[in-house]
Amino acid sequence: MLVEDLKCDQHFEVGIEVQNVGKRGGSEVVIVYSKPPEGIAATYIKQVIGFKRVFVAAGGSEKVTFSFNACQSLKVIDYAANSLLPSGGHTIAIGDSGLSFPVHVEFDR
C-alpha cells in the first residue's frame, strides 16, 4: 500500500536498558533496525530507523526509548520510487546482538 494513501498516525515505542558492567563510565550508540516481511523482492535486508548515544556511568544503567511513526519507519521504496508499507510481519532489531521482536502490519479498508 502506498504510504501517501495511508493515514499515518500510528506510532510504536521501543525501549531498552543499557548496562555498563565495567569499572569506567562510557558511551554507547544504540541502533534500531527494521527488517521488512520475508518474501519482498529487491529490497533491503535491514535499515536503520533510529539511533541514540547514551552515556552510562561505571556499574550503572540507562534506559533508552525510541518512538517511531509506523508508516515512515517500516516503509520500503520500490523501483518506481514509490514509498510502500508492506503488510505482514516486520522485525525490529536493536543493535547487532540478536535482540529482536516482530511487528505485524495489517490494513483495514
N, C-alpha and C. Protein backbone atom coordinates (compact mmCIF):
# COMPACT_ATOMS: atom_id res chain seq x y z
N MET A 1 0.84 -1.17 0.00
CA MET A 1 0.00 0.00 0.00
C MET A 1 0.89 1.23 0.00
N LEU A 2 0.55 2.23 -0.82
CA LEU A 2 1.31 3.47 -0.88
C LEU A 2 1.20 4.21 0.45
N VAL A 3 2.33 4.68 0.97
CA VAL A 3 2.33 5.41 2.24
C VAL A 3 1.51 6.68 2.12
N GLU A 4 1.53 7.31 0.94
CA GLU A 4 0.78 8.55 0.74
C GLU A 4 -0.73 8.32 0.86
N ASP A 5 -1.20 7.10 0.65
CA ASP A 5 -2.62 6.79 0.74
C ASP A 5 -3.06 6.41 2.15
N LEU A 6 -2.14 6.35 3.08
CA LEU A 6 -2.46 5.92 4.44
C LEU A 6 -2.53 7.09 5.40
N LYS A 7 -3.38 6.95 6.40
CA LYS A 7 -3.40 7.90 7.50
C LYS A 7 -2.31 7.44 8.46
N CYS A 8 -1.19 8.13 8.46
CA CYS A 8 0.00 7.67 9.18
C CYS A 8 0.10 8.28 10.57
N ASP A 9 -0.82 7.93 11.44
CA ASP A 9 -0.76 8.44 12.80
C ASP A 9 -0.47 7.35 13.83
N GLN A 10 -0.11 6.16 13.37
CA GLN A 10 0.20 5.06 14.27
C GLN A 10 1.68 5.11 14.66
N HIS A 11 1.93 5.07 15.95
CA HIS A 11 3.30 5.09 16.47
C HIS A 11 3.53 3.86 17.33
N PHE A 12 4.78 3.49 17.45
CA PHE A 12 5.15 2.44 18.38
C PHE A 12 6.43 2.85 19.07
N GLU A 13 6.62 2.33 20.28
CA GLU A 13 7.81 2.66 21.06
C GLU A 13 8.66 1.43 21.29
N VAL A 14 9.95 1.67 21.37
CA VAL A 14 10.92 0.62 21.67
C VAL A 14 11.77 1.15 22.82
N GLY A 15 11.92 0.35 23.86
CA GLY A 15 12.76 0.73 24.98
C GLY A 15 13.76 -0.35 25.30
N ILE A 16 14.94 0.07 25.71
CA ILE A 16 15.99 -0.88 26.08
C ILE A 16 16.79 -0.27 27.22
N GLU A 17 17.27 -1.15 28.10
CA GLU A 17 18.13 -0.70 29.18
C GLU A 17 19.57 -1.09 28.85
N VAL A 18 20.44 -0.10 28.88
CA VAL A 18 21.86 -0.32 28.57
C VAL A 18 22.61 -0.35 29.90
N GLN A 19 23.33 -1.44 30.14
CA GLN A 19 24.09 -1.59 31.37
C GLN A 19 25.58 -1.50 31.08
N ASN A 20 26.29 -0.88 32.01
CA ASN A 20 27.74 -0.82 31.94
C ASN A 20 28.28 -1.69 33.08
N VAL A 21 28.85 -2.82 32.73
CA VAL A 21 29.38 -3.73 33.74
C VAL A 21 30.86 -3.47 34.00
N GLY A 22 31.40 -2.45 33.36
CA GLY A 22 32.81 -2.12 33.50
C GLY A 22 33.09 -1.24 34.71
N LYS A 23 34.35 -0.90 34.88
CA LYS A 23 34.79 -0.07 36.00
C LYS A 23 34.95 1.39 35.64
N ARG A 24 34.68 1.72 34.38
CA ARG A 24 34.78 3.11 33.91
C ARG A 24 33.51 3.48 33.17
N GLY A 25 33.10 4.73 33.29
CA GLY A 25 31.95 5.21 32.54
C GLY A 25 32.27 5.28 31.06
N GLY A 26 31.26 5.20 30.25
CA GLY A 26 31.48 5.27 28.81
C GLY A 26 30.18 5.47 28.06
N SER A 27 30.30 5.70 26.78
CA SER A 27 29.11 5.90 25.96
C SER A 27 28.94 4.76 24.98
N GLU A 28 27.70 4.56 24.57
CA GLU A 28 27.34 3.51 23.63
C GLU A 28 26.31 4.09 22.67
N VAL A 29 26.41 3.69 21.41
CA VAL A 29 25.40 4.09 20.44
C VAL A 29 24.43 2.92 20.28
N VAL A 30 23.17 3.17 20.58
CA VAL A 30 22.13 2.17 20.44
C VAL A 30 21.48 2.38 19.07
N ILE A 31 21.51 1.34 18.23
CA ILE A 31 20.99 1.43 16.86
C ILE A 31 19.77 0.52 16.74
N VAL A 32 18.69 1.04 16.13
CA VAL A 32 17.47 0.27 15.92
C VAL A 32 17.28 0.07 14.41
N TYR A 33 17.06 -1.20 14.02
CA TYR A 33 16.89 -1.57 12.62
C TYR A 33 15.46 -2.06 12.38
N SER A 34 15.01 -1.92 11.14
CA SER A 34 13.76 -2.50 10.68
C SER A 34 14.08 -3.48 9.56
N LYS A 35 13.47 -4.67 9.64
CA LYS A 35 13.61 -5.67 8.58
C LYS A 35 12.22 -5.89 7.99
N PRO A 36 12.06 -5.81 6.66
CA PRO A 36 10.74 -5.98 6.05
C PRO A 36 10.27 -7.43 6.13
N PRO A 37 8.99 -7.66 5.87
CA PRO A 37 8.49 -9.04 5.85
C PRO A 37 9.25 -9.88 4.82
N GLU A 38 9.38 -11.17 5.10
CA GLU A 38 10.06 -12.06 4.16
C GLU A 38 9.25 -12.18 2.88
N GLY A 39 9.95 -12.39 1.78
CA GLY A 39 9.30 -12.59 0.50
C GLY A 39 9.13 -11.33 -0.32
N ILE A 40 9.58 -10.19 0.17
CA ILE A 40 9.51 -8.96 -0.62
C ILE A 40 10.77 -8.89 -1.47
N ALA A 41 10.59 -8.89 -2.77
CA ALA A 41 11.72 -8.94 -3.70
C ALA A 41 12.40 -7.58 -3.81
N ALA A 42 13.70 -7.63 -4.02
CA ALA A 42 14.52 -6.45 -4.35
C ALA A 42 14.37 -5.31 -3.34
N THR A 43 14.53 -5.63 -2.09
CA THR A 43 14.51 -4.59 -1.07
C THR A 43 15.70 -4.79 -0.13
N TYR A 44 15.85 -3.93 0.83
CA TYR A 44 16.96 -4.00 1.77
C TYR A 44 16.79 -5.20 2.72
N ILE A 45 17.91 -5.63 3.29
CA ILE A 45 17.87 -6.68 4.31
C ILE A 45 17.42 -6.08 5.64
N LYS A 46 17.99 -4.93 5.97
CA LYS A 46 17.56 -4.18 7.14
C LYS A 46 17.96 -2.73 6.91
N GLN A 47 17.26 -1.83 7.60
CA GLN A 47 17.58 -0.41 7.50
C GLN A 47 17.59 0.21 8.90
N VAL A 48 18.43 1.21 9.10
CA VAL A 48 18.47 1.93 10.36
C VAL A 48 17.26 2.85 10.44
N ILE A 49 16.51 2.74 11.54
CA ILE A 49 15.36 3.62 11.71
C ILE A 49 15.54 4.55 12.91
N GLY A 50 16.57 4.32 13.70
CA GLY A 50 16.84 5.22 14.82
C GLY A 50 18.14 4.88 15.50
N PHE A 51 18.72 5.89 16.14
CA PHE A 51 19.93 5.66 16.93
C PHE A 51 20.06 6.78 17.96
N LYS A 52 20.65 6.45 19.09
CA LYS A 52 20.92 7.41 20.16
C LYS A 52 22.22 7.04 20.84
N ARG A 53 22.98 8.05 21.20
CA ARG A 53 24.19 7.83 22.01
C ARG A 53 23.79 8.05 23.47
N VAL A 54 24.22 7.14 24.32
CA VAL A 54 23.90 7.23 25.73
C VAL A 54 25.18 7.04 26.54
N PHE A 55 25.35 7.87 27.57
CA PHE A 55 26.48 7.71 28.48
C PHE A 55 25.99 6.92 29.68
N VAL A 56 26.77 5.92 30.07
CA VAL A 56 26.41 5.09 31.22
C VAL A 56 27.59 5.10 32.19
N ALA A 57 27.32 5.49 33.42
CA ALA A 57 28.35 5.52 34.45
C ALA A 57 28.81 4.10 34.76
N ALA A 58 29.99 3.98 35.30
CA ALA A 58 30.54 2.66 35.67
C ALA A 58 29.57 1.95 36.60
N GLY A 59 29.24 0.71 36.27
CA GLY A 59 28.34 -0.09 37.09
C GLY A 59 26.88 0.33 37.02
N GLY A 60 26.56 1.30 36.20
CA GLY A 60 25.19 1.83 36.12
C GLY A 60 24.43 1.34 34.91
N SER A 61 23.23 1.88 34.75
CA SER A 61 22.41 1.56 33.59
C SER A 61 21.58 2.79 33.22
N GLU A 62 21.20 2.84 31.96
CA GLU A 62 20.37 3.93 31.44
C GLU A 62 19.31 3.33 30.53
N LYS A 63 18.09 3.83 30.65
CA LYS A 63 17.02 3.39 29.76
C LYS A 63 16.98 4.31 28.54
N VAL A 64 16.89 3.71 27.37
CA VAL A 64 16.82 4.45 26.11
C VAL A 64 15.48 4.10 25.46
N THR A 65 14.71 5.13 25.10
CA THR A 65 13.40 4.92 24.49
C THR A 65 13.34 5.61 23.14
N PHE A 66 12.77 4.92 22.17
CA PHE A 66 12.57 5.44 20.81
C PHE A 66 11.08 5.45 20.52
N SER A 67 10.61 6.44 19.77
CA SER A 67 9.23 6.47 19.30
C SER A 67 9.27 6.59 17.78
N PHE A 68 8.52 5.71 17.10
CA PHE A 68 8.57 5.66 15.64
C PHE A 68 7.17 5.80 15.05
N ASN A 69 7.09 6.50 13.92
CA ASN A 69 5.88 6.52 13.10
C ASN A 69 5.92 5.25 12.27
N ALA A 70 4.87 4.43 12.37
CA ALA A 70 4.86 3.12 11.70
C ALA A 70 5.04 3.24 10.19
N CYS A 71 4.33 4.16 9.56
CA CYS A 71 4.42 4.28 8.10
C CYS A 71 5.81 4.71 7.64
N GLN A 72 6.41 5.64 8.34
CA GLN A 72 7.72 6.13 7.92
C GLN A 72 8.84 5.16 8.27
N SER A 73 8.74 4.48 9.38
CA SER A 73 9.82 3.61 9.83
C SER A 73 9.80 2.24 9.19
N LEU A 74 8.65 1.78 8.72
CA LEU A 74 8.53 0.43 8.17
C LEU A 74 8.36 0.42 6.65
N LYS A 75 8.44 1.57 6.01
CA LYS A 75 8.21 1.63 4.56
C LYS A 75 9.40 1.09 3.78
N VAL A 76 9.13 0.69 2.55
CA VAL A 76 10.17 0.32 1.59
C VAL A 76 9.95 1.16 0.33
N ILE A 77 10.99 1.31 -0.47
CA ILE A 77 10.91 2.07 -1.71
C ILE A 77 11.01 1.09 -2.87
N ASP A 78 10.04 1.17 -3.82
CA ASP A 78 10.07 0.24 -4.96
C ASP A 78 10.87 0.83 -6.12
N TYR A 79 10.92 0.10 -7.24
CA TYR A 79 11.70 0.53 -8.42
C TYR A 79 11.23 1.85 -9.00
N ALA A 80 9.96 2.18 -8.83
CA ALA A 80 9.42 3.43 -9.36
C ALA A 80 9.51 4.57 -8.34
N ALA A 81 10.27 4.37 -7.27
CA ALA A 81 10.47 5.35 -6.20
C ALA A 81 9.21 5.64 -5.41
N ASN A 82 8.28 4.68 -5.37
CA ASN A 82 7.10 4.81 -4.53
C ASN A 82 7.43 4.33 -3.12
N SER A 83 6.91 5.03 -2.12
CA SER A 83 7.04 4.60 -0.73
C SER A 83 5.89 3.65 -0.42
N LEU A 84 6.21 2.40 -0.07
CA LEU A 84 5.19 1.39 0.19
C LEU A 84 5.32 0.89 1.63
N LEU A 85 4.18 0.56 2.22
CA LEU A 85 4.16 -0.07 3.53
C LEU A 85 3.65 -1.48 3.34
N PRO A 86 4.56 -2.48 3.34
CA PRO A 86 4.13 -3.85 3.11
C PRO A 86 3.36 -4.40 4.30
N SER A 87 2.31 -5.12 4.00
CA SER A 87 1.55 -5.81 5.03
C SER A 87 2.33 -7.05 5.44
N GLY A 88 2.22 -7.42 6.70
CA GLY A 88 2.88 -8.64 7.16
C GLY A 88 3.79 -8.40 8.33
N GLY A 89 4.64 -9.37 8.60
CA GLY A 89 5.48 -9.37 9.79
C GLY A 89 6.81 -8.68 9.59
N HIS A 90 6.93 -7.48 10.08
CA HIS A 90 8.19 -6.74 10.11
C HIS A 90 8.94 -7.15 11.38
N THR A 91 10.25 -6.97 11.39
CA THR A 91 11.05 -7.27 12.58
C THR A 91 11.82 -6.02 12.97
N ILE A 92 11.78 -5.69 14.25
CA ILE A 92 12.57 -4.60 14.80
C ILE A 92 13.74 -5.23 15.54
N ALA A 93 14.96 -4.82 15.21
CA ALA A 93 16.15 -5.36 15.84
C ALA A 93 16.93 -4.22 16.49
N ILE A 94 17.46 -4.49 17.67
CA ILE A 94 18.25 -3.49 18.39
C ILE A 94 19.70 -3.94 18.37
N GLY A 95 20.54 -3.13 17.74
CA GLY A 95 21.96 -3.45 17.63
C GLY A 95 22.19 -4.71 16.82
N ASP A 96 23.40 -5.21 16.90
CA ASP A 96 23.77 -6.42 16.18
C ASP A 96 23.82 -7.63 17.11
N SER A 97 23.28 -7.48 18.31
CA SER A 97 23.39 -8.53 19.32
C SER A 97 22.36 -9.64 19.15
N GLY A 98 21.43 -9.49 18.23
CA GLY A 98 20.42 -10.52 18.04
C GLY A 98 19.14 -10.25 18.79
N LEU A 99 19.04 -9.16 19.54
CA LEU A 99 17.81 -8.80 20.24
C LEU A 99 16.82 -8.26 19.22
N SER A 100 15.72 -8.97 19.02
CA SER A 100 14.73 -8.52 18.04
C SER A 100 13.34 -8.95 18.46
N PHE A 101 12.33 -8.30 17.89
CA PHE A 101 10.95 -8.67 18.14
C PHE A 101 10.12 -8.35 16.92
N PRO A 102 9.02 -9.10 16.69
CA PRO A 102 8.20 -8.90 15.50
C PRO A 102 7.18 -7.78 15.68
N VAL A 103 6.90 -7.10 14.57
CA VAL A 103 5.82 -6.12 14.48
C VAL A 103 4.98 -6.53 13.29
N HIS A 104 3.69 -6.75 13.50
CA HIS A 104 2.82 -7.19 12.40
C HIS A 104 1.99 -6.01 11.92
N VAL A 105 1.97 -5.78 10.60
CA VAL A 105 1.24 -4.69 10.00
C VAL A 105 0.11 -5.24 9.16
N GLU A 106 -1.11 -4.77 9.40
CA GLU A 106 -2.28 -5.13 8.58
C GLU A 106 -3.03 -3.85 8.25
N PHE A 107 -3.77 -3.91 7.14
CA PHE A 107 -4.52 -2.75 6.69
C PHE A 107 -6.01 -2.99 6.85
N ASP A 108 -6.73 -1.97 7.35
CA ASP A 108 -8.18 -2.01 7.41
C ASP A 108 -8.70 -1.08 6.33
N ARG A 109 -9.61 -1.58 5.54
CA ARG A 109 -10.19 -0.73 4.48
C ARG A 109 -11.64 -0.50 4.73
